[in-house]
Amino acid sequence: MMRYLILALALLAVAPAHSAIIEIKDNAIEISGPIETGDFEKFVEIIANYPHSKIVLLNSRGGMAKDAVEIGLFIRNMEYATLVPTGKVCGSACVYIWAAGKPRGLGQSSGMIAGGMIYVHCPTDKERLQRNECSEVGIAYVTKYLLEMEMPREVIDRMVTIRPNEQFWPRSDIDGHYHNE
């Protein structure tokens, strides 16, 4: 067991500093920071040694859609739950991971502490981002994926109209219905 822990720590040490931090905390899988190319492989390598971890905690402002969707598909196939803990944020491509959870949840707000929050905007790429434009190919790709993940159509439809420099903050109540605050 210690050998696997050392291997996982070694993999984290050689990962690029700008990629997501993926680690096991209190028997949950935690993903924080930007989602970058190669994070899907890192995710699978790390959780391979923790088969009993069935919940993914998220705290990321987004990143690469491709890796986020691959992580999401893996989560859905393994029937993991996803949660944005109280006071944390999951935005942009991170929402593709969150949407895959069965169940998926947002931490509840209490007093002055905000609950877990998500924000979305249309998919883009580096070239279009500079012009604040959405990617039509990206919109088709993530719309299909999010429908498969049973994301409410009204959230998807709103998401694809929000430019990259803007944000739409849908919220979920206990019943899973979405509204904009």
Protein backbone atom coordinates (compact mmCIF):
# COMPACT_ATOMS: atom_id res chain seq x y z
CA MET A 1 0.00 0.00 0.00
CA MET A 2 2.82 2.43 0.90
CA ARG A 3 4.47 1.66 -2.45
CA TYR A 4 1.32 2.83 -4.28
CA LEU A 5 1.19 6.01 -2.22
CA ILE A 6 4.81 6.78 -3.06
CA LEU A 7 4.10 6.12 -6.75
CA ALA A 8 1.11 8.48 -6.69
CA LEU A 9 3.17 11.19 -4.98
CA ALA A 10 5.95 10.73 -7.52
CA LEU A 11 3.46 11.12 -10.36
CA LEU A 12 2.21 14.35 -8.81
CA ALA A 13 5.75 15.64 -8.44
CA VAL A 14 6.54 15.23 -12.15
CA ALA A 15 3.22 16.64 -13.34
CA PRO A 16 3.36 20.12 -14.82
CA ALA A 17 2.87 22.81 -12.15
CA HIS A 18 -0.04 24.34 -14.06
CA SER A 19 -2.15 21.19 -14.28
CA ALA A 20 -4.85 20.10 -11.88
CA ILE A 21 -3.95 18.76 -8.47
CA ILE A 22 -5.60 15.36 -8.19
CA GLU A 23 -5.30 13.65 -4.84
CA ILE A 24 -7.11 11.43 -2.37
CA LYS A 25 -8.37 13.19 0.76
CA ASP A 26 -10.53 11.49 3.38
CA ASN A 27 -11.38 8.69 0.93
CA ALA A 28 -12.58 11.19 -1.71
CA ILE A 29 -10.90 12.15 -4.97
CA GLU A 30 -10.18 15.87 -5.05
CA ILE A 31 -9.53 17.81 -8.26
CA SER A 32 -8.40 21.40 -7.87
CA GLY A 33 -6.75 23.91 -10.17
CA PRO A 34 -6.78 24.19 -13.94
CA ILE A 35 -7.67 21.10 -16.01
CA GLU A 36 -4.94 20.61 -18.60
CA THR A 37 -3.92 18.13 -21.26
CA GLY A 38 -2.81 14.91 -19.58
CA ASP A 39 -5.01 15.31 -16.49
CA PHE A 40 -7.31 12.46 -17.57
CA GLU A 41 -4.37 10.05 -17.56
CA LYS A 42 -3.19 11.44 -14.22
CA PHE A 43 -6.71 11.03 -12.79
CA VAL A 44 -6.93 7.38 -13.85
CA GLU A 45 -3.43 6.56 -12.55
CA ILE A 46 -4.08 8.08 -9.14
CA ILE A 47 -7.50 6.57 -8.52
CA ALA A 48 -6.42 3.11 -9.70
CA ASN A 49 -4.95 2.59 -6.23
CA TYR A 50 -8.07 3.81 -4.44
CA PRO A 51 -10.96 1.68 -5.72
CA HIS A 52 -13.17 2.53 -2.73
CA SER A 53 -13.13 6.28 -3.43
CA LYS A 54 -16.48 6.95 -5.10
CA ILE A 55 -16.87 10.72 -4.70
CA VAL A 56 -15.06 13.47 -6.61
CA LEU A 57 -14.70 16.87 -4.95
CA LEU A 58 -14.19 19.77 -7.37
CA ASN A 59 -12.56 23.19 -7.03
CA SER A 60 -11.46 24.40 -10.47
CA ARG A 61 -12.07 27.40 -12.70
CA GLY A 62 -11.91 25.15 -15.76
CA GLY A 63 -9.40 24.38 -18.47
CA MET A 64 -9.23 21.91 -21.33
CA ALA A 65 -12.64 20.57 -22.37
CA LYS A 66 -11.25 17.35 -23.86
CA ASP A 67 -9.65 16.15 -20.63
CA ALA A 68 -12.62 17.33 -18.56
CA VAL A 69 -15.03 15.36 -20.77
CA GLU A 70 -12.80 12.26 -20.60
CA ILE A 71 -12.71 12.49 -16.80
CA GLY A 72 -16.47 13.02 -16.82
CA LEU A 73 -17.11 9.95 -18.97
CA PHE A 74 -14.94 7.87 -16.65
CA ILE A 75 -16.82 9.20 -13.61
CA ARG A 76 -20.18 8.39 -15.20
CA ASN A 77 -19.05 4.87 -16.17
CA MET A 78 -17.79 4.22 -12.63
CA GLU A 79 -20.94 5.78 -11.10
CA TYR A 80 -19.01 8.22 -8.93
CA ALA A 81 -20.72 11.11 -7.21
CA THR A 82 -19.46 14.67 -7.76
CA LEU A 83 -19.62 17.57 -5.35
CA VAL A 84 -18.52 21.18 -5.33
CA PRO A 85 -17.97 21.69 -1.58
CA THR A 86 -19.25 24.70 0.33
CA GLY A 87 -17.18 27.77 -0.47
CA LYS A 88 -15.61 26.22 -3.61
CA VAL A 89 -16.18 26.98 -7.29
CA CYS A 90 -16.34 24.76 -10.36
CA GLY A 91 -16.41 26.73 -13.59
CA SER A 92 -16.10 26.37 -17.31
CA ALA A 93 -14.71 22.92 -18.24
CA CYS A 94 -14.85 21.78 -14.59
CA VAL A 95 -18.64 21.72 -14.98
CA TYR A 96 -18.24 18.92 -17.55
CA ILE A 97 -16.73 16.79 -14.77
CA TRP A 98 -19.35 17.86 -12.21
CA ALA A 99 -22.20 17.06 -14.62
CA ALA A 100 -21.10 13.41 -14.84
CA GLY A 101 -21.71 12.68 -11.17
CA LYS A 102 -24.44 10.30 -10.11
CA PRO A 103 -25.48 12.03 -7.99
CA ARG A 104 -23.97 15.47 -8.40
CA GLY A 105 -24.25 18.16 -5.79
CA LEU A 106 -23.36 21.61 -4.60
CA GLY A 107 -22.40 22.27 -1.00
CA GLN A 108 -25.11 24.11 0.87
CA SER A 109 -24.68 27.73 1.89
CA SER A 110 -24.76 28.56 5.56
CA GLY A 111 -24.70 32.03 7.04
CA MET A 112 -21.93 34.10 5.47
CA ILE A 113 -20.31 31.12 3.69
CA ALA A 114 -21.43 30.60 0.10
CA GLY A 115 -22.46 27.13 -0.94
CA GLY A 116 -20.55 25.33 -3.68
CA MET A 117 -21.07 27.18 -6.94
CA ILE A 118 -20.76 26.46 -10.64
CA TYR A 119 -20.45 28.82 -13.57
CA VAL A 120 -20.57 28.16 -17.28
CA HIS A 121 -19.89 29.88 -20.58
CA CYS A 122 -19.64 28.72 -24.17
CA PRO A 123 -16.69 26.55 -25.21
CA THR A 124 -13.84 28.31 -26.96
CA ASP A 125 -10.24 27.79 -27.99
CA LYS A 126 -7.12 29.92 -27.57
CA GLU A 127 -7.59 31.78 -30.85
CA ARG A 128 -11.28 32.51 -30.30
CA LEU A 129 -10.74 33.35 -26.64
CA GLN A 130 -8.64 36.36 -27.65
CA ARG A 131 -11.60 37.59 -29.72
CA ASN A 132 -14.16 36.61 -27.03
CA GLU A 133 -15.87 34.19 -29.42
CA CYS A 134 -17.48 30.81 -28.95
CA SER A 135 -16.47 27.71 -30.88
CA GLU A 136 -19.33 26.23 -32.94
CA VAL A 137 -17.58 22.85 -33.00
CA GLY A 138 -17.07 23.08 -29.24
CA ILE A 139 -20.71 23.99 -28.69
CA ALA A 140 -21.87 20.90 -30.62
CA TYR A 141 -19.37 18.69 -28.74
CA VAL A 142 -20.28 19.82 -25.22
CA THR A 143 -24.02 20.06 -25.92
CA LYS A 144 -24.08 16.39 -26.95
CA TYR A 145 -21.99 15.42 -23.93
CA LEU A 146 -24.01 17.45 -21.41
CA LEU A 147 -27.28 16.03 -22.73
CA GLU A 148 -25.85 12.54 -22.18
CA MET A 149 -25.00 13.60 -18.62
CA GLU A 150 -28.63 14.67 -18.14
CA MET A 151 -27.79 18.34 -17.63
CA PRO A 152 -30.98 20.41 -17.88
CA ARG A 153 -31.52 21.66 -21.42
CA GLU A 154 -32.23 25.20 -20.21
CA VAL A 155 -28.77 25.40 -18.63
CA ILE A 156 -27.09 24.10 -21.80
CA ASP A 157 -29.06 26.48 -24.01
CA ARG A 158 -28.13 29.42 -21.79
CA MET A 159 -24.51 28.30 -21.53
CA VAL A 160 -23.89 28.32 -25.27
CA THR A 161 -24.99 31.97 -25.51
CA ILE A 162 -22.58 33.23 -22.82
CA ARG A 163 -19.33 34.63 -24.23
CA PRO A 164 -16.03 33.41 -22.74
CA ASN A 165 -15.42 36.64 -20.80
CA GLU A 166 -18.86 36.39 -19.18
CA GLN A 167 -20.25 33.87 -16.71
CA PHE A 168 -23.65 32.31 -16.05
CA TRP A 169 -24.06 31.01 -12.50
CA PRO A 170 -26.86 28.41 -12.40
CA ARG A 171 -27.81 27.18 -8.95
CA SER A 172 -29.35 23.92 -7.85
CA ASP A 173 -31.83 23.40 -5.07
CA ILE A 174 -32.29 20.05 -3.33
CA ASP A 175 -34.58 18.78 -6.09
CA GLY A 176 -31.95 19.47 -8.74
CA HIS A 177 -33.89 22.24 -10.50
CA TYR A 178 -31.80 25.09 -11.79
CA HIS A 179 -32.30 28.80 -11.52
CA ASN A 180 -30.13 31.86 -12.00
CA GLU A 181 -29.50 33.91 -8.87
